[in-house]
Amino acid sequence: MSINRNFENSRFLYLLSVLLLIFSCSEKKNAVKKKTEKPCVTILIQPFKDINEDTVAKVTEGIKKVYPNVKVLDAIDFPANTYYKERNRYRADSIIKFLSKETKEGFVTIGLTTKDISATRGKIKDFGIMGLGYTPGKACVASNFRLSRENRDEQFFKIAIHELGHTQGLPHCPEKMCFMRDAEGKNPTNEETGFCKKCKTFLINKNWKFSSI
């Protein structure tokens, strides 16, 4: 009887030590995961005063279907140094520089406007564009000035999500249906249906929390 009791006690202690070891390893694994997991970035939508609230709301709704962690800021004036008087345009690079200074860690800002915006492209000093975002970056800008009138809000959303993709480190994509395709000086937004599998996986690894697309 004594031998059997000792055997049972030994087996119980062995099983207990195994369970404690498993629990300890699991806790350590979760702790490492919490430390290494990147925080979810917040997208700040910064309208300029030229754009109406309805357009901002529709673009915001489109972005939230892809990425729900979004906050809309109060509309502001363009900084004086962003205006390019010679062409009656606003310099996208100067807008991004301004927005970046105002953007704190853990946030990315997109400026929305109806004005014509431009940037230097190759040998062309002032090239008209629909949007601009650096890869990676803290801020970007999108304009609906060059978009079609029929479905302008839908196209505007696609320009916005494209530039936001750049801020996260995404380059242009060869997939013609992808939000990240290169416009190549045109407006191909009507052909775009969403992020391709590769681009979406990239953003998921950046801790993007997709909602429906």
Protein backbone atom coordinates (compact mmCIF):
# COMPACT_ATOMS: atom_id res chain seq x y z
CA MET A 1 0.00 0.00 0.00
CA SER A 2 2.79 2.41 0.90
CA ILE A 3 4.58 1.74 -2.37
CA ASN A 4 1.44 2.37 -4.43
CA ARG A 5 0.73 5.61 -2.54
CA ASN A 6 4.27 6.85 -3.17
CA PHE A 7 3.94 5.96 -6.85
CA GLU A 8 0.64 7.85 -7.14
CA ASN A 9 2.14 10.86 -5.37
CA SER A 10 5.16 10.84 -7.66
CA ARG A 11 2.94 10.64 -10.75
CA PHE A 12 0.75 13.47 -9.47
CA LEU A 13 3.79 15.68 -8.83
CA TYR A 14 5.17 14.86 -12.28
CA LEU A 15 1.91 15.77 -14.00
CA LEU A 16 1.65 18.96 -11.95
CA SER A 17 5.18 20.01 -12.92
CA VAL A 18 4.42 19.36 -16.62
CA LEU A 19 1.25 21.47 -16.42
CA LEU A 20 3.09 24.29 -14.68
CA LEU A 21 5.82 24.17 -17.33
CA ILE A 22 3.26 24.36 -20.16
CA PHE A 23 1.43 27.23 -18.46
CA SER A 24 4.69 29.09 -17.89
CA CYS A 25 5.76 28.70 -21.53
CA SER A 26 2.33 29.85 -22.71
CA GLU A 27 2.49 32.95 -20.51
CA LYS A 28 5.98 33.78 -21.78
CA LYS A 29 4.85 33.32 -25.39
CA ASN A 30 1.88 35.65 -24.86
CA ALA A 31 4.10 38.21 -23.16
CA VAL A 32 6.56 38.16 -26.08
CA LYS A 33 3.66 38.46 -28.53
CA LYS A 34 2.29 41.50 -26.67
CA LYS A 35 5.70 43.15 -26.68
CA THR A 36 6.37 42.53 -30.39
CA GLU A 37 2.85 43.21 -31.71
CA LYS A 38 2.68 46.66 -33.27
CA PRO A 39 -0.09 48.98 -32.06
CA CYS A 40 -2.99 49.63 -34.40
CA VAL A 41 -2.40 52.92 -36.24
CA THR A 42 -5.17 55.56 -36.28
CA ILE A 43 -5.99 57.25 -39.58
CA LEU A 44 -6.68 60.97 -39.19
CA ILE A 45 -8.74 62.50 -41.99
CA GLN A 46 -7.88 66.17 -42.34
CA PRO A 47 -10.28 68.08 -44.61
CA PHE A 48 -9.29 71.47 -45.96
CA LYS A 49 -11.97 74.17 -45.89
CA ASP A 50 -12.63 74.01 -49.65
CA ILE A 51 -14.20 70.53 -49.44
CA ASN A 52 -17.79 69.92 -48.33
CA GLU A 53 -18.73 67.71 -45.39
CA ASP A 54 -20.78 65.31 -47.50
CA THR A 55 -17.77 64.42 -49.67
CA VAL A 56 -15.60 63.93 -46.59
CA ALA A 57 -18.26 61.67 -45.04
CA LYS A 58 -18.47 59.47 -48.15
CA VAL A 59 -14.69 59.08 -48.41
CA THR A 60 -14.52 58.35 -44.68
CA GLU A 61 -17.23 55.70 -45.03
CA GLY A 62 -15.25 54.01 -47.81
CA ILE A 63 -12.03 54.01 -45.78
CA LYS A 64 -13.81 52.58 -42.73
CA LYS A 65 -15.01 49.61 -44.80
CA VAL A 66 -11.35 48.78 -45.35
CA TYR A 67 -9.89 50.06 -42.09
CA PRO A 68 -12.26 51.00 -39.24
CA ASN A 69 -9.83 52.88 -36.96
CA VAL A 70 -10.50 56.37 -38.36
CA LYS A 71 -11.04 59.85 -36.92
CA VAL A 72 -12.20 62.94 -38.84
CA LEU A 73 -10.66 66.28 -37.83
CA ASP A 74 -12.09 69.78 -38.15
CA ALA A 75 -11.46 71.45 -41.51
CA ILE A 76 -8.49 73.82 -41.77
CA ASP A 77 -7.08 76.41 -44.18
CA PHE A 78 -4.16 75.62 -46.45
CA PRO A 79 -0.84 76.86 -45.09
CA ALA A 80 0.23 79.89 -47.16
CA ASN A 81 3.47 78.25 -48.31
CA THR A 82 1.61 75.39 -50.06
CA TYR A 83 0.11 77.66 -52.76
CA TYR A 84 1.88 77.78 -56.13
CA LYS A 85 0.67 81.06 -57.61
CA GLU A 86 2.19 80.59 -61.08
CA ARG A 87 -0.12 77.63 -61.82
CA ASN A 88 -2.92 78.33 -59.32
CA ARG A 89 -2.18 75.02 -57.64
CA TYR A 90 -1.20 73.68 -54.26
CA ARG A 91 2.06 71.81 -53.83
CA ALA A 92 1.38 68.29 -52.55
CA ASP A 93 4.88 67.90 -51.09
CA SER A 94 4.45 71.08 -49.02
CA ILE A 95 1.02 69.91 -47.81
CA ILE A 96 2.50 66.57 -46.70
CA LYS A 97 5.37 68.31 -44.93
CA PHE A 98 2.88 70.44 -43.00
CA LEU A 99 0.63 67.50 -42.10
CA SER A 100 3.58 65.33 -41.06
CA LYS A 101 4.69 67.91 -38.49
CA GLU A 102 1.22 67.81 -36.95
CA THR A 103 1.00 64.00 -36.89
CA LYS A 104 2.03 62.21 -33.69
CA GLU A 105 3.43 58.69 -33.35
CA GLY A 106 0.79 56.02 -33.87
CA PHE A 107 -1.19 58.15 -36.33
CA VAL A 108 -1.18 58.78 -40.06
CA THR A 109 -2.91 61.82 -41.60
CA ILE A 110 -4.54 62.20 -45.00
CA GLY A 111 -5.48 65.64 -46.28
CA LEU A 112 -8.57 65.88 -48.49
CA THR A 113 -9.15 68.72 -50.94
CA THR A 114 -10.97 69.73 -54.13
CA LYS A 115 -8.08 71.94 -55.25
CA ASP A 116 -5.63 71.14 -58.03
CA ILE A 117 -2.45 69.71 -56.49
CA SER A 118 0.94 69.06 -58.04
CA ALA A 119 4.42 67.70 -57.44
CA THR A 120 7.74 67.47 -59.25
CA ARG A 121 7.87 64.41 -61.50
CA GLY A 122 11.14 63.65 -63.23
CA LYS A 123 12.08 66.68 -65.30
CA ILE A 124 8.62 68.22 -64.92
CA LYS A 125 8.76 70.72 -62.08
CA ASP A 126 5.01 71.07 -61.59
CA PHE A 127 3.04 67.97 -62.60
CA GLY A 128 -0.69 67.83 -61.80
CA ILE A 129 -1.64 64.78 -59.70
CA MET A 130 -4.62 63.18 -57.94
CA GLY A 131 -2.73 62.33 -54.77
CA LEU A 132 0.66 61.91 -53.16
CA GLY A 133 2.02 59.72 -50.38
CA TYR A 134 5.57 58.82 -49.45
CA THR A 135 6.65 55.19 -48.93
CA PRO A 136 6.60 55.06 -45.95
CA GLY A 137 5.37 58.30 -44.37
CA LYS A 138 3.26 59.92 -41.68
CA ALA A 139 0.98 61.87 -43.99
CA CYS A 140 -0.45 62.01 -47.52
CA VAL A 141 -2.90 64.07 -49.56
CA ALA A 142 -5.68 63.33 -52.07
CA SER A 143 -7.64 65.63 -54.39
CA ASN A 144 -10.82 65.04 -56.41
CA PHE A 145 -9.99 67.87 -58.84
CA ARG A 146 -9.05 65.49 -61.70
CA LEU A 147 -11.68 62.80 -61.08
CA SER A 148 -14.75 61.94 -63.14
CA ARG A 149 -18.02 63.61 -62.21
CA GLU A 150 -20.19 60.48 -62.48
CA ASN A 151 -18.76 58.50 -59.54
CA ARG A 152 -16.35 61.03 -58.08
CA ASP A 153 -16.79 60.03 -54.43
CA GLU A 154 -16.00 56.36 -55.14
CA GLN A 155 -12.91 57.34 -57.14
CA PHE A 156 -11.90 59.79 -54.42
CA PHE A 157 -11.98 57.02 -51.82
CA LYS A 158 -9.76 54.84 -54.03
CA ILE A 159 -7.22 57.66 -54.42
CA ALA A 160 -7.26 58.18 -50.65
CA ILE A 161 -6.77 54.49 -49.78
CA HIS A 162 -3.98 54.27 -52.38
CA GLU A 163 -2.04 57.10 -50.76
CA LEU A 164 -2.64 55.68 -47.29
CA GLY A 165 -1.19 52.39 -48.55
CA HIS A 166 1.98 54.25 -49.53
CA THR A 167 2.33 55.68 -46.01
CA GLN A 168 2.38 52.12 -44.68
CA GLY A 169 5.24 51.19 -47.01
CA LEU A 170 3.37 49.74 -49.99
CA PRO A 171 4.89 50.47 -53.42
CA HIS A 172 2.91 50.49 -56.66
CA CYS A 173 1.42 47.12 -57.58
CA PRO A 174 1.42 45.46 -61.04
CA GLU A 175 -2.09 44.03 -60.45
CA LYS A 176 -4.55 46.10 -62.51
CA MET A 177 -7.45 45.48 -60.08
CA CYS A 178 -5.45 46.52 -56.99
CA PHE A 179 -5.86 49.84 -55.19
CA MET A 180 -2.06 50.20 -55.33
CA ARG A 181 -1.67 50.13 -59.13
CA ASP A 182 0.29 52.96 -60.72
CA ALA A 183 -2.03 55.52 -62.34
CA GLU A 184 0.71 56.35 -64.89
CA GLY A 185 -0.68 59.83 -65.40
CA LYS A 186 -4.25 58.58 -66.01
CA ASN A 187 -7.28 57.73 -63.87
CA PRO A 188 -7.68 53.93 -63.68
CA THR A 189 -9.75 53.91 -60.47
CA ASN A 190 -12.86 52.41 -62.12
CA GLU A 191 -10.87 49.22 -62.79
CA GLU A 192 -9.79 48.85 -59.16
CA THR A 193 -11.77 46.50 -56.91
CA GLY A 194 -9.67 46.23 -53.73
CA PHE A 195 -6.23 45.40 -52.38
CA CYS A 196 -4.74 42.33 -54.07
CA LYS A 197 -3.81 39.38 -51.84
CA LYS A 198 -0.14 40.41 -51.63
CA CYS A 199 -0.86 44.04 -50.70
CA LYS A 200 -3.56 43.05 -48.22
CA THR A 201 -1.22 40.57 -46.52
CA PHE A 202 1.43 43.30 -46.30
CA LEU A 203 -1.03 45.61 -44.52
CA ILE A 204 -2.25 42.85 -42.19
CA ASN A 205 1.39 42.33 -41.17
CA LYS A 206 1.43 46.06 -40.41
CA ASN A 207 -1.45 45.33 -38.02
CA TRP A 208 -4.18 46.78 -40.24
CA LYS A 209 -7.53 45.50 -39.03
CA PHE A 210 -9.64 44.99 -42.14
CA SER A 211 -13.39 45.13 -41.73
CA SER A 212 -14.99 43.97 -44.99
CA ILE A 213 -12.63 44.30 -47.99
